[in-house]
C-alpha cells in the first residue's frame, strides 16, 4: 500500500492508496485508477503536498485529457469491462460532476450537505 500524506495549516490528511494482487502469482498490482483518483482529489486542495501527492496530481493532469480511454486500458478497467461493468468505468472517468460530498457515518454514506 502507498500512503500519501498532505500537510495543511489546520490538520494533516492521510490518503491510503490501495493496490491489488495479481491472481497468477500474488505480486503487487499497482492501482492506476487509485493514483488517478487521488490526483483528481488533490488537484482541488490547497496546502502543501507530499512528494507522493504531487506525483498523483501530475499523473492525473497528464492523463485527464483522455481519462476514459486510459481507464479502459488499465488492468482494472479491462477486468471490469470484461465482467460487464463498462458503465462503472465510464462513471469513474467523470470529473467534478457530483453535487454532494459523501460522509461516512453510522456505517453508511450520507450527503454531508
PDB file of N, CA and C in Angstrom:
ATOM      1  N   UNK A   1       0.828  -1.175   0.000  1.00  0.00           N
ATOM      2  CA  UNK A   1       0.000   0.000   0.000  1.00  0.00           C
ATOM      3  C   UNK A   1       0.875   1.242   0.000  1.00  0.00           C
ATOM      4  N   UNK A   2       0.367   2.267  -0.595  1.00  0.00           N
ATOM      5  CA  UNK A   2       1.081   3.536  -0.647  1.00  0.00           C
ATOM      6  C   UNK A   2       0.295   4.538   0.182  1.00  0.00           C
ATOM      7  N   UNK A   3       0.968   5.205   1.088  1.00  0.00           N
ATOM      8  CA  UNK A   3       0.322   6.234   1.894  1.00  0.00           C
ATOM      9  C   UNK A   3       0.768   7.596   1.405  1.00  0.00           C
ATOM     10  N   UNK A   4      -0.170   8.473   1.191  1.00  0.00           N
ATOM     11  CA  UNK A   4       0.123   9.820   0.748  1.00  0.00           C
ATOM     12  C   UNK A   4      -0.289  10.771   1.866  1.00  0.00           C
ATOM     13  N   UNK A   5       0.650  11.586   2.320  1.00  0.00           N
ATOM     14  CA  UNK A   5       0.374  12.491   3.422  1.00  0.00           C
ATOM     15  C   UNK A   5       0.375  13.925   2.917  1.00  0.00           C
ATOM     16  N   UNK A   6      -0.652  14.669   3.273  1.00  0.00           N
ATOM     17  CA  UNK A   6      -0.758  16.074   2.915  1.00  0.00           C
ATOM     18  C   UNK A   6      -0.661  16.885   4.188  1.00  0.00           C
ATOM     19  N   UNK A   7       0.085  17.956   4.155  1.00  0.00           N
ATOM     20  CA  UNK A   7       0.211  18.833   5.316  1.00  0.00           C
ATOM     21  C   UNK A   7      -0.605  20.098   5.085  1.00  0.00           C
ATOM     22  N   UNK A   8      -1.502  20.379   5.993  1.00  0.00           N
ATOM     23  CA  UNK A   8      -2.320  21.578   5.918  1.00  0.00           C
ATOM     24  C   UNK A   8      -2.157  22.371   7.202  1.00  0.00           C
ATOM     25  N   UNK A   9      -2.481  23.645   7.140  1.00  0.00           N
ATOM     26  CA  UNK A   9      -2.361  24.504   8.316  1.00  0.00           C
ATOM     27  C   UNK A   9      -3.269  24.036   9.440  1.00  0.00           C
ATOM     28  N   UNK A  10      -4.458  23.542   9.123  1.00  0.00           N
ATOM     29  CA  UNK A  10      -5.415  23.143  10.155  1.00  0.00           C
ATOM     30  C   UNK A  10      -5.127  21.739  10.662  1.00  0.00           C
ATOM     31  N   UNK A  11      -5.057  20.790   9.781  1.00  0.00           N
ATOM     32  CA  UNK A  11      -4.821  19.401  10.194  1.00  0.00           C
ATOM     33  C   UNK A  11      -4.255  18.624   9.013  1.00  0.00           C
ATOM     34  N   UNK A  12      -3.373  17.671   9.291  1.00  0.00           N
ATOM     35  CA  UNK A  12      -2.857  16.845   8.189  1.00  0.00           C
ATOM     36  C   UNK A  12      -3.919  15.860   7.707  1.00  0.00           C
ATOM     37  N   UNK A  13      -3.752  15.408   6.496  1.00  0.00           N
ATOM     38  CA  UNK A  13      -4.670  14.437   5.921  1.00  0.00           C
ATOM     39  C   UNK A  13      -3.846  13.277   5.386  1.00  0.00           C
ATOM     40  N   UNK A  14      -4.319  12.078   5.592  1.00  0.00           N
ATOM     41  CA  UNK A  14      -3.638  10.897   5.058  1.00  0.00           C
ATOM     42  C   UNK A  14      -4.595  10.196   4.105  1.00  0.00           C
ATOM     43  N   UNK A  15      -4.102   9.909   2.920  1.00  0.00           N
ATOM     44  CA  UNK A  15      -4.874   9.180   1.917  1.00  0.00           C
ATOM     45  C   UNK A  15      -4.185   7.851   1.690  1.00  0.00           C
ATOM     46  N   UNK A  16      -4.902   6.773   1.830  1.00  0.00           N
ATOM     47  CA  UNK A  16      -4.347   5.441   1.650  1.00  0.00           C
ATOM     48  C   UNK A  16      -4.718   4.929   0.269  1.00  0.00           C
ATOM     49  N   UNK A  17      -3.723   4.786  -0.542  1.00  0.00           N
ATOM     50  CA  UNK A  17      -3.921   4.304  -1.900  1.00  0.00           C
ATOM     51  C   UNK A  17      -3.690   2.809  -1.906  1.00  0.00           C
ATOM     52  N   UNK A  18      -4.675   2.057  -2.322  1.00  0.00           N
ATOM     53  CA  UNK A  18      -4.554   0.604  -2.296  1.00  0.00           C
ATOM     54  C   UNK A  18      -4.242   0.060  -3.683  1.00  0.00           C
ATOM     55  N   UNK A  19      -3.549  -1.030  -3.696  1.00  0.00           N
ATOM     56  CA  UNK A  19      -3.322  -1.758  -4.933  1.00  0.00           C
ATOM     57  C   UNK A  19      -4.041  -3.090  -4.830  1.00  0.00           C
ATOM     58  N   UNK A  20      -3.757  -3.947  -5.755  1.00  0.00           N
ATOM     59  CA  UNK A  20      -4.328  -5.286  -5.741  1.00  0.00           C
ATOM     60  C   UNK A  20      -3.194  -6.277  -5.927  1.00  0.00           C
ATOM     61  N   UNK A  21      -3.532  -7.522  -5.915  1.00  0.00           N
ATOM     62  CA  UNK A  21      -2.562  -8.585  -6.174  1.00  0.00           C
ATOM     63  C   UNK A  21      -2.925  -9.271  -7.484  1.00  0.00           C
ATOM     64  N   UNK A  22      -1.894  -9.572  -8.279  1.00  0.00           N
ATOM     65  CA  UNK A  22      -2.112 -10.346  -9.497  1.00  0.00           C
ATOM     66  C   UNK A  22      -2.563 -11.738  -9.084  1.00  0.00           C
ATOM     67  N   UNK A  23      -3.565 -12.258  -9.767  1.00  0.00           N
ATOM     68  CA  UNK A  23      -4.090 -13.594  -9.443  1.00  0.00           C
ATOM     69  C   UNK A  23      -3.074 -14.687  -9.725  1.00  0.00           C
ATOM     70  N   UNK A  24      -2.261 -14.477 -10.766  1.00  0.00           N
ATOM     71  CA  UNK A  24      -1.327 -15.516 -11.184  1.00  0.00           C
ATOM     72  C   UNK A  24      -0.250 -15.817 -10.139  1.00  0.00           C
ATOM     73  N   UNK A  25       0.362 -14.766  -9.594  1.00  0.00           N
ATOM     74  CA  UNK A  25       1.487 -15.006  -8.683  1.00  0.00           C
ATOM     75  C   UNK A  25       1.396 -14.260  -7.355  1.00  0.00           C
ATOM     76  N   UNK A  26       0.341 -13.491  -7.155  1.00  0.00           N
ATOM     77  CA  UNK A  26       0.159 -12.783  -5.891  1.00  0.00           C
ATOM     78  C   UNK A  26       1.016 -11.541  -5.728  1.00  0.00           C
ATOM     79  N   UNK A  27       1.766 -11.147  -6.767  1.00  0.00           N
ATOM     80  CA  UNK A  27       2.604  -9.950  -6.661  1.00  0.00           C
ATOM     81  C   UNK A  27       1.733  -8.697  -6.725  1.00  0.00           C
ATOM     82  N   UNK A  28       2.286  -7.589  -6.251  1.00  0.00           N
ATOM     83  CA  UNK A  28       1.545  -6.332  -6.190  1.00  0.00           C
ATOM     84  C   UNK A  28       1.194  -5.817  -7.579  1.00  0.00           C
ATOM     85  N   UNK A  29      -0.035  -5.424  -7.731  1.00  0.00           N
ATOM     86  CA  UNK A  29      -0.526  -4.800  -8.955  1.00  0.00           C
ATOM     87  C   UNK A  29      -0.912  -3.377  -8.580  1.00  0.00           C
ATOM     88  N   UNK A  30      -0.036  -2.415  -8.848  1.00  0.00           N
ATOM     89  CA  UNK A  30      -0.367  -1.031  -8.503  1.00  0.00           C
ATOM     90  C   UNK A  30      -1.671  -0.618  -9.171  1.00  0.00           C
ATOM     91  N   UNK A  31      -2.458   0.163  -8.480  1.00  0.00           N
ATOM     92  CA  UNK A  31      -3.769   0.557  -8.982  1.00  0.00           C
ATOM     93  C   UNK A  31      -3.691   1.922  -9.657  1.00  0.00           C
ATOM     94  N   UNK A  32      -3.645   1.914 -10.974  1.00  0.00           N
ATOM     95  CA  UNK A  32      -3.616   3.144 -11.768  1.00  0.00           C
ATOM     96  C   UNK A  32      -4.804   4.028 -11.417  1.00  0.00           C
ATOM     97  N   UNK A  33      -5.972   3.412 -11.291  1.00  0.00           N
ATOM     98  CA  UNK A  33      -7.182   4.184 -11.020  1.00  0.00           C
ATOM     99  C   UNK A  33      -7.145   4.850  -9.640  1.00  0.00           C
ATOM    100  N   UNK A  34      -6.485   4.243  -8.667  1.00  0.00           N
ATOM    101  CA  UNK A  34      -6.339   4.873  -7.354  1.00  0.00           C
ATOM    102  C   UNK A  34      -5.425   6.090  -7.439  1.00  0.00           C
ATOM    103  N   UNK A  35      -4.343   5.959  -8.184  1.00  0.00           N
ATOM    104  CA  UNK A  35      -3.420   7.078  -8.353  1.00  0.00           C
ATOM    105  C   UNK A  35      -4.118   8.247  -9.050  1.00  0.00           C
ATOM    106  N   UNK A  36      -4.883   7.939 -10.090  1.00  0.00           N
ATOM    107  CA  UNK A  36      -5.627   8.966 -10.817  1.00  0.00           C
ATOM    108  C   UNK A  36      -6.666   9.611  -9.904  1.00  0.00           C
ATOM    109  N   UNK A  37      -7.388   8.805  -9.149  1.00  0.00           N
ATOM    110  CA  UNK A  37      -8.406   9.326  -8.235  1.00  0.00           C
ATOM    111  C   UNK A  37      -7.810  10.217  -7.167  1.00  0.00           C
ATOM    112  N   UNK A  38      -6.682   9.793  -6.612  1.00  0.00           N
ATOM    113  CA  UNK A  38      -6.001  10.616  -5.605  1.00  0.00           C
ATOM    114  C   UNK A  38      -5.567  11.944  -6.217  1.00  0.00           C
ATOM    115  N   UNK A  39      -5.001  11.878  -7.399  1.00  0.00           N
ATOM    116  CA  UNK A  39      -4.558  13.104  -8.074  1.00  0.00           C
ATOM    117  C   UNK A  39      -5.707  14.041  -8.366  1.00  0.00           C
ATOM    118  N   UNK A  40      -6.858  13.489  -8.740  1.00  0.00           N
ATOM    119  CA  UNK A  40      -8.032  14.322  -9.008  1.00  0.00           C
ATOM    120  C   UNK A  40      -8.465  15.056  -7.742  1.00  0.00           C
ATOM    121  N   UNK A  41      -8.497  14.347  -6.631  1.00  0.00           N
ATOM    122  CA  UNK A  41      -8.890  14.971  -5.357  1.00  0.00           C
ATOM    123  C   UNK A  41      -7.866  16.016  -4.944  1.00  0.00           C
ATOM    124  N   UNK A  42      -6.601  15.639  -4.962  1.00  0.00           N
ATOM    125  CA  UNK A  42      -5.544  16.549  -4.510  1.00  0.00           C
ATOM    126  C   UNK A  42      -5.437  17.796  -5.372  1.00  0.00           C
ATOM    127  N   UNK A  43      -5.811  17.687  -6.640  1.00  0.00           N
ATOM    128  CA  UNK A  43      -5.686  18.841  -7.533  1.00  0.00           C
ATOM    129  C   UNK A  43      -6.619  19.984  -7.131  1.00  0.00           C
ATOM    130  N   UNK A  44      -7.623  19.693  -6.319  1.00  0.00           N
ATOM    131  CA  UNK A  44      -8.560  20.714  -5.866  1.00  0.00           C
ATOM    132  C   UNK A  44      -8.272  21.205  -4.450  1.00  0.00           C
ATOM    133  N   UNK A  45      -7.287  20.628  -3.782  1.00  0.00           N
ATOM    134  CA  UNK A  45      -6.981  21.008  -2.407  1.00  0.00           C
ATOM    135  C   UNK A  45      -5.887  22.059  -2.352  1.00  0.00           C
ATOM    136  N   UNK A  46      -5.956  22.882  -1.338  1.00  0.00           N
ATOM    137  CA  UNK A  46      -4.933  23.892  -1.107  1.00  0.00           C
ATOM    138  C   UNK A  46      -4.110  23.450   0.097  1.00  0.00           C
ATOM    139  N   UNK A  47      -2.847  23.717   0.072  1.00  0.00           N
ATOM    140  CA  UNK A  47      -1.957  23.318   1.152  1.00  0.00           C
ATOM    141  C   UNK A  47      -0.696  22.727   0.561  1.00  0.00           C
ATOM    142  N   UNK A  48       0.201  22.310   1.421  1.00  0.00           N
ATOM    143  CA  UNK A  48       1.435  21.722   0.903  1.00  0.00           C
ATOM    144  C   UNK A  48       1.229  20.227   0.732  1.00  0.00           C
ATOM    145  N   UNK A  49       1.664  19.726  -0.404  1.00  0.00           N
ATOM    146  CA  UNK A  49       1.503  18.312  -0.728  1.00  0.00           C
ATOM    147  C   UNK A  49       2.810  17.566  -0.508  1.00  0.00           C
ATOM    148  N   UNK A  50       2.691  16.314  -0.115  1.00  0.00           N
ATOM    149  CA  UNK A  50       3.873  15.468  -0.030  1.00  0.00           C
ATOM    150  C   UNK A  50       4.351  15.176  -1.450  1.00  0.00           C
ATOM    151  N   UNK A  51       5.590  14.716  -1.613  1.00  0.00           N
ATOM    152  CA  UNK A  51       6.053  14.358  -2.960  1.00  0.00           C
ATOM    153  C   UNK A  51       5.159  13.301  -3.614  1.00  0.00           C
ATOM    154  N   UNK A  52       4.668  12.351  -2.823  1.00  0.00           N
ATOM    155  CA  UNK A  52       3.799  11.312  -3.379  1.00  0.00           C
ATOM    156  C   UNK A  52       2.490  11.906  -3.891  1.00  0.00           C
ATOM    157  N   UNK A  53       1.942  12.869  -3.148  1.00  0.00           N
ATOM    158  CA  UNK A  53       0.712  13.526  -3.582  1.00  0.00           C
ATOM    159  C   UNK A  53       0.959  14.359  -4.836  1.00  0.00           C
ATOM    160  N   UNK A  54       2.111  15.009  -4.913  1.00  0.00           N
ATOM    161  CA  UNK A  54       2.442  15.781  -6.111  1.00  0.00           C
ATOM    162  C   UNK A  54       2.535  14.877  -7.333  1.00  0.00           C
ATOM    163  N   UNK A  55       3.063  13.672  -7.159  1.00  0.00           N
ATOM    164  CA  UNK A  55       3.125  12.707  -8.266  1.00  0.00           C
ATOM    165  C   UNK A  55       1.706  12.320  -8.689  1.00  0.00           C
ATOM    166  N   UNK A  56       0.819  12.130  -7.729  1.00  0.00           N
ATOM    167  CA  UNK A  56      -0.568  11.787  -8.050  1.00  0.00           C
ATOM    168  C   UNK A  56      -1.230  12.905  -8.849  1.00  0.00           C
ATOM    169  N   UNK A  57      -1.026  14.151  -8.449  1.00  0.00           N
ATOM    170  CA  UNK A  57      -1.595  15.293  -9.170  1.00  0.00           C
ATOM    171  C   UNK A  57      -1.020  15.366 -10.585  1.00  0.00           C
ATOM    172  N   UNK A  58       0.288  15.223 -10.705  1.00  0.00           N
ATOM    173  CA  UNK A  58       0.925  15.281 -12.029  1.00  0.00           C
ATOM    174  C   UNK A  58       0.417  14.163 -12.934  1.00  0.00           C
ATOM    175  N   UNK A  59       0.214  12.989 -12.366  1.00  0.00           N
ATOM    176  CA  UNK A  59      -0.296  11.858 -13.151  1.00  0.00           C
ATOM    177  C   UNK A  59      -1.718  12.140 -13.617  1.00  0.00           C
ATOM    178  N   UNK A  60      -2.559  12.621 -12.723  1.00  0.00           N
ATOM    179  CA  UNK A  60      -3.929  12.967 -13.093  1.00  0.00           C
ATOM    180  C   UNK A  60      -3.933  14.013 -14.216  1.00  0.00           C
ATOM    181  N   UNK A  61      -3.135  15.052 -14.071  1.00  0.00           N
ATOM    182  CA  UNK A  61      -3.100  16.111 -15.081  1.00  0.00           C
ATOM    183  C   UNK A  61      -2.593  15.588 -16.423  1.00  0.00           C
ATOM    184  N   UNK A  62      -1.660  14.658 -16.387  1.00  0.00           N
ATOM    185  CA  UNK A  62      -1.111  14.104 -17.633  1.00  0.00           C
ATOM    186  C   UNK A  62      -2.132  13.255 -18.393  1.00  0.00           C
ATOM    187  N   UNK A  63      -3.042  12.610 -17.663  1.00  0.00           N
ATOM    188  CA  UNK A  63      -3.991  11.687 -18.299  1.00  0.00           C
ATOM    189  C   UNK A  63      -5.412  12.229 -18.406  1.00  0.00           C
ATOM    190  N   UNK A  64      -5.692  13.395 -17.861  1.00  0.00           N
ATOM    191  CA  UNK A  64      -7.078  13.867 -17.776  1.00  0.00           C
ATOM    192  C   UNK A  64      -7.711  14.149 -19.128  1.00  0.00           C
ATOM    193  N   UNK A  65      -6.923  14.454 -20.172  1.00  0.00           N
ATOM    194  CA  UNK A  65      -7.498  14.750 -21.486  1.00  0.00           C
ATOM    195  C   UNK A  65      -8.178  13.537 -22.121  1.00  0.00           C
ATOM    196  N   UNK A  66      -7.713  12.340 -21.797  1.00  0.00           N
ATOM    197  CA  UNK A  66      -8.342  11.110 -22.296  1.00  0.00           C
ATOM    198  C   UNK A  66      -8.482  10.123 -21.145  1.00  0.00           C
ATOM    199  N   UNK A  67      -9.032  10.600 -20.046  1.00  0.00           N
ATOM    200  CA  UNK A  67      -9.132   9.787 -18.844  1.00  0.00           C
ATOM    201  C   UNK A  67      -9.891   8.494 -19.090  1.00  0.00           C
ATOM    202  N   UNK A  68     -11.023   8.564 -19.754  1.00  0.00           N
ATOM    203  CA  UNK A  68     -11.806   7.362 -20.021  1.00  0.00           C
ATOM    204  C   UNK A  68     -11.016   6.361 -20.855  1.00  0.00           C
ATOM    205  N   UNK A  69     -10.322   6.839 -21.862  1.00  0.00           N
ATOM    206  CA  UNK A  69      -9.526   5.940 -22.700  1.00  0.00           C
ATOM    207  C   UNK A  69      -8.472   5.187 -21.896  1.00  0.00           C
ATOM    208  N   UNK A  70      -7.785   5.901 -21.015  1.00  0.00           N
ATOM    209  CA  UNK A  70      -6.757   5.250 -20.206  1.00  0.00           C
ATOM    210  C   UNK A  70      -7.354   4.330 -19.151  1.00  0.00           C
ATOM    211  N   UNK A  71      -8.468   4.732 -18.559  1.00  0.00           N
ATOM    212  CA  UNK A  71      -9.101   3.858 -17.564  1.00  0.00           C
ATOM    213  C   UNK A  71      -9.601   2.575 -18.212  1.00  0.00           C
ATOM    214  N   UNK A  72     -10.062   2.651 -19.458  1.00  0.00           N
ATOM    215  CA  UNK A  72     -10.490   1.439 -20.163  1.00  0.00           C
ATOM    216  C   UNK A  72      -9.307   0.528 -20.491  1.00  0.00           C
ATOM    217  N   UNK A  73      -8.100   1.104 -20.623  1.00  0.00           N
ATOM    218  CA  UNK A  73      -6.915   0.315 -20.986  1.00  0.00           C
ATOM    219  C   UNK A  73      -6.170  -0.253 -19.776  1.00  0.00           C
ATOM    220  N   UNK A  74      -6.411   0.314 -18.575  1.00  0.00           N
ATOM    221  CA  UNK A  74      -5.674  -0.188 -17.409  1.00  0.00           C
ATOM    222  C   UNK A  74      -6.225  -1.557 -17.008  1.00  0.00           C
ATOM    223  N   UNK A  75      -5.476  -2.280 -16.208  1.00  0.00           N
ATOM    224  CA  UNK A  75      -5.845  -3.657 -15.838  1.00  0.00           C
ATOM    225  C   UNK A  75      -7.230  -3.738 -15.215  1.00  0.00           C
ATOM    226  N   UNK A  76      -7.505  -2.886 -14.250  1.00  0.00           N
ATOM    227  CA  UNK A  76      -8.815  -2.936 -13.582  1.00  0.00           C
ATOM    228  C   UNK A  76      -9.935  -2.550 -14.533  1.00  0.00           C
ATOM    229  N   UNK A  77      -9.694  -1.570 -15.391  1.00  0.00           N
ATOM    230  CA  UNK A  77     -10.707  -1.179 -16.364  1.00  0.00           C
ATOM    231  C   UNK A  77     -11.057  -2.310 -17.311  1.00  0.00           C
ATOM    232  N   UNK A  78     -10.034  -2.961 -17.842  1.00  0.00           N
ATOM    233  CA  UNK A  78     -10.280  -4.096 -18.747  1.00  0.00           C
ATOM    234  C   UNK A  78     -11.031  -5.211 -18.030  1.00  0.00           C
ATOM    235  N   UNK A  79     -10.656  -5.460 -16.792  1.00  0.00           N
ATOM    236  CA  UNK A  79     -11.311  -6.504 -15.997  1.00  0.00           C
ATOM    237  C   UNK A  79     -12.794  -6.169 -15.783  1.00  0.00           C
ATOM    238  N   UNK A  80     -13.093  -4.919 -15.432  1.00  0.00           N
ATOM    239  CA  UNK A  80     -14.488  -4.507 -15.228  1.00  0.00           C
ATOM    240  C   UNK A  80     -15.299  -4.593 -16.517  1.00  0.00           C
ATOM    241  N   UNK A  81     -14.717  -4.161 -17.618  1.00  0.00           N
ATOM    242  CA  UNK A  81     -15.410  -4.224 -18.905  1.00  0.00           C
ATOM    243  C   UNK A  81     -15.714  -5.669 -19.283  1.00  0.00           C
ATOM    244  N   UNK A  82     -14.735  -6.564 -19.090  1.00  0.00           N
ATOM    245  CA  UNK A  82     -14.948  -7.988 -19.387  1.00  0.00           C
ATOM    246  C   UNK A  82     -16.079  -8.580 -18.561  1.00  0.00           C
ATOM    247  N   UNK A  83     -16.282  -8.061 -17.353  1.00  0.00           N
ATOM    248  CA  UNK A  83     -17.331  -8.571 -16.456  1.00  0.00           C
ATOM    249  C   UNK A  83     -18.668  -7.850 -16.645  1.00  0.00           C
ATOM    250  N   UNK A  84     -18.737  -6.950 -17.646  1.00  0.00           N
ATOM    251  CA  UNK A  84     -19.984  -6.274 -17.955  1.00  0.00           C
ATOM    252  C   UNK A  84     -20.224  -4.970 -17.211  1.00  0.00           C
ATOM    253  N   UNK A  85     -19.169  -4.393 -16.646  1.00  0.00           N
ATOM    254  CA  UNK A  85     -19.307  -3.162 -15.867  1.00  0.00           C
ATOM    255  C   UNK A  85     -18.671  -1.952 -16.553  1.00  0.00           C
ATOM    256  N   UNK A  86     -18.815  -1.870 -17.874  1.00  0.00           N
ATOM    257  CA  UNK A  86     -18.225  -0.751 -18.596  1.00  0.00           C
ATOM    258  C   UNK A  86     -18.803   0.588 -18.138  1.00  0.00           C
ATOM    259  N   UNK A  87     -20.073   0.607 -17.764  1.00  0.00           N
ATOM    260  CA  UNK A  87     -20.678   1.859 -17.310  1.00  0.00           C
ATOM    261  C   UNK A  87     -20.025   2.347 -16.008  1.00  0.00           C
ATOM    262  N   UNK A  88     -19.527   1.431 -15.188  1.00  0.00           N
ATOM    263  CA  UNK A  88     -18.806   1.828 -13.975  1.00  0.00           C
ATOM    264  C   UNK A  88     -17.495   2.518 -14.326  1.00  0.00           C
ATOM    265  N   UNK A  89     -16.824   2.014 -15.348  1.00  0.00           N
ATOM    266  CA  UNK A  89     -15.569   2.628 -15.794  1.00  0.00           C
ATOM    267  C   UNK A  89     -15.869   4.025 -16.335  1.00  0.00           C
ATOM    268  N   UNK A  90     -16.944   4.142 -17.103  1.00  0.00           N
ATOM    269  CA  UNK A  90     -17.329   5.447 -17.645  1.00  0.00           C
ATOM    270  C   UNK A  90     -17.656   6.430 -16.522  1.00  0.00           C
ATOM    271  N   UNK A  91     -18.361   5.967 -15.512  1.00  0.00           N
ATOM    272  CA  UNK A  91     -18.693   6.824 -14.370  1.00  0.00           C
ATOM    273  C   UNK A  91     -17.435   7.265 -13.627  1.00  0.00           C
ATOM    274  N   UNK A  92     -16.465   6.367 -13.509  1.00  0.00           N
ATOM    275  CA  UNK A  92     -15.232   6.710 -12.787  1.00  0.00           C
ATOM    276  C   UNK A  92     -14.420   7.774 -13.509  1.00  0.00           C
ATOM    277  N   UNK A  93     -14.641   7.939 -14.799  1.00  0.00           N
ATOM    278  CA  UNK A  93     -13.907   8.946 -15.568  1.00  0.00           C
ATOM    279  C   UNK A  93     -14.572  10.314 -15.509  1.00  0.00           C
ATOM    280  N   UNK A  94     -15.792  10.382 -14.980  1.00  0.00           N
ATOM    281  CA  UNK A  94     -16.484  11.666 -14.864  1.00  0.00           C
ATOM    282  C   UNK A  94     -15.790  12.483 -13.788  1.00  0.00           C
ATOM    283  N   UNK A  95     -15.398  13.692 -14.134  1.00  0.00           N
ATOM    284  CA  UNK A  95     -14.609  14.517 -13.224  1.00  0.00           C
ATOM    285  C   UNK A  95     -15.400  15.731 -12.761  1.00  0.00           C
ATOM    286  N   UNK A  96     -15.481  15.896 -11.444  1.00  0.00           N
ATOM    287  CA  UNK A  96     -16.068  17.089 -10.845  1.00  0.00           C
ATOM    288  C   UNK A  96     -17.525  17.293 -11.274  1.00  0.00           C
ATOM    289  N   UNK A  97     -18.321  16.226 -11.228  1.00  0.00           N
ATOM    290  CA  UNK A  97     -19.708  16.319 -11.657  1.00  0.00           C
ATOM    291  C   UNK A  97     -20.706  16.098 -10.528  1.00  0.00           C
ATOM    292  N   UNK A  98     -20.249  15.660  -9.362  1.00  0.00           N
ATOM    293  CA  UNK A  98     -21.154  15.370  -8.258  1.00  0.00           C
ATOM    294  C   UNK A  98     -21.640  16.620  -7.561  1.00  0.00           C
ATOM    295  N   UNK A  99     -22.848  16.534  -7.000  1.00  0.00           N
ATOM    296  CA  UNK A  99     -23.412  17.653  -6.280  1.00  0.00           C
ATOM    297  C   UNK A  99     -23.400  17.474  -4.777  1.00  0.00           C
ATOM    298  N   UNK A 100     -22.742  16.432  -4.310  1.00  0.00           N
ATOM    299  CA  UNK A 100     -22.690  16.216  -2.864  1.00  0.00           C
ATOM    300  C   UNK A 100     -21.332  15.636  -2.490  1.00  0.00           C
ATOM    301  N   UNK A 101     -21.063  15.702  -1.205  1.00  0.00           N
ATOM    302  CA  UNK A 101     -19.848  15.095  -0.669  1.00  0.00           C
ATOM    303  C   UNK A 101     -20.286  14.016   0.309  1.00  0.00           C
ATOM    304  N   UNK A 102     -19.986  12.746   0.038  1.00  0.00           N
ATOM    305  CA  UNK A 102     -20.434  11.696   0.946  1.00  0.00           C
ATOM    306  C   UNK A 102     -19.662  11.729   2.266  1.00  0.00           C
ATOM    307  N   UNK A 103     -20.389  11.511   3.342  1.00  0.00           N
ATOM    308  CA  UNK A 103     -19.794  11.466   4.677  1.00  0.00           C
ATOM    309  C   UNK A 103     -20.139  10.115   5.274  1.00  0.00           C
ATOM    310  N   UNK A 104     -19.118   9.374   5.699  1.00  0.00           N
ATOM    311  CA  UNK A 104     -19.344   8.053   6.279  1.00  0.00           C
ATOM    312  C   UNK A 104     -19.690   8.224   7.749  1.00  0.00           C
ATOM    313  N   UNK A 105     -20.903   7.876   8.095  1.00  0.00           N
ATOM    314  CA  UNK A 105     -21.350   7.993   9.482  1.00  0.00           C
ATOM    315  C   UNK A 105     -22.332   6.877   9.799  1.00  0.00           C
ATOM    316  N   UNK A 106     -22.203   6.299  10.969  1.00  0.00           N
ATOM    317  CA  UNK A 106     -23.065   5.201  11.397  1.00  0.00           C
ATOM    318  C   UNK A 106     -23.106   4.075  10.368  1.00  0.00           C
ATOM    319  N   UNK A 107     -21.958   3.689   9.853  1.00  0.00           N
ATOM    320  CA  UNK A 107     -21.802   2.586   8.893  1.00  0.00           C
ATOM    321  C   UNK A 107     -22.500   2.776   7.559  1.00  0.00           C
ATOM    322  N   UNK A 108     -22.725   4.019   7.174  1.00  0.00           N
ATOM    323  CA  UNK A 108     -23.278   4.278   5.839  1.00  0.00           C
ATOM    324  C   UNK A 108     -22.832   5.661   5.372  1.00  0.00           C
ATOM    325  N   UNK A 109     -22.953   5.876   4.059  1.00  0.00           N
ATOM    326  CA  UNK A 109     -22.617   7.165   3.491  1.00  0.00           C
ATOM    327  C   UNK A 109     -23.880   8.020   3.406  1.00  0.00           C
ATOM    328  N   UNK A 110     -23.767   9.276   3.802  1.00  0.00           N
ATOM    329  CA  UNK A 110     -24.865  10.226   3.706  1.00  0.00           C
ATOM    330  C   UNK A 110     -24.338  11.503   3.060  1.00  0.00           C
ATOM    331  N   UNK A 111     -25.243  12.280   2.484  1.00  0.00           N
ATOM    332  CA  UNK A 111     -24.874  13.556   1.895  1.00  0.00           C
ATOM    333  C   UNK A 111     -24.495  14.507   3.022  1.00  0.00           C
ATOM    334  N   UNK A 112     -23.300  15.067   2.946  1.00  0.00           N
ATOM    335  CA  UNK A 112     -22.817  15.925   4.021  1.00  0.00           C
ATOM    336  C   UNK A 112     -23.451  17.298   4.016  1.00  0.00           C
ATOM    337  N   UNK A 113     -24.203  17.627   2.984  1.00  0.00           N
ATOM    338  CA  UNK A 113     -24.837  18.954   2.893  1.00  0.00           C
ATOM    339  C   UNK A 113     -26.206  18.949   3.514  1.00  0.00           C
TER     340      UNK A 113
END
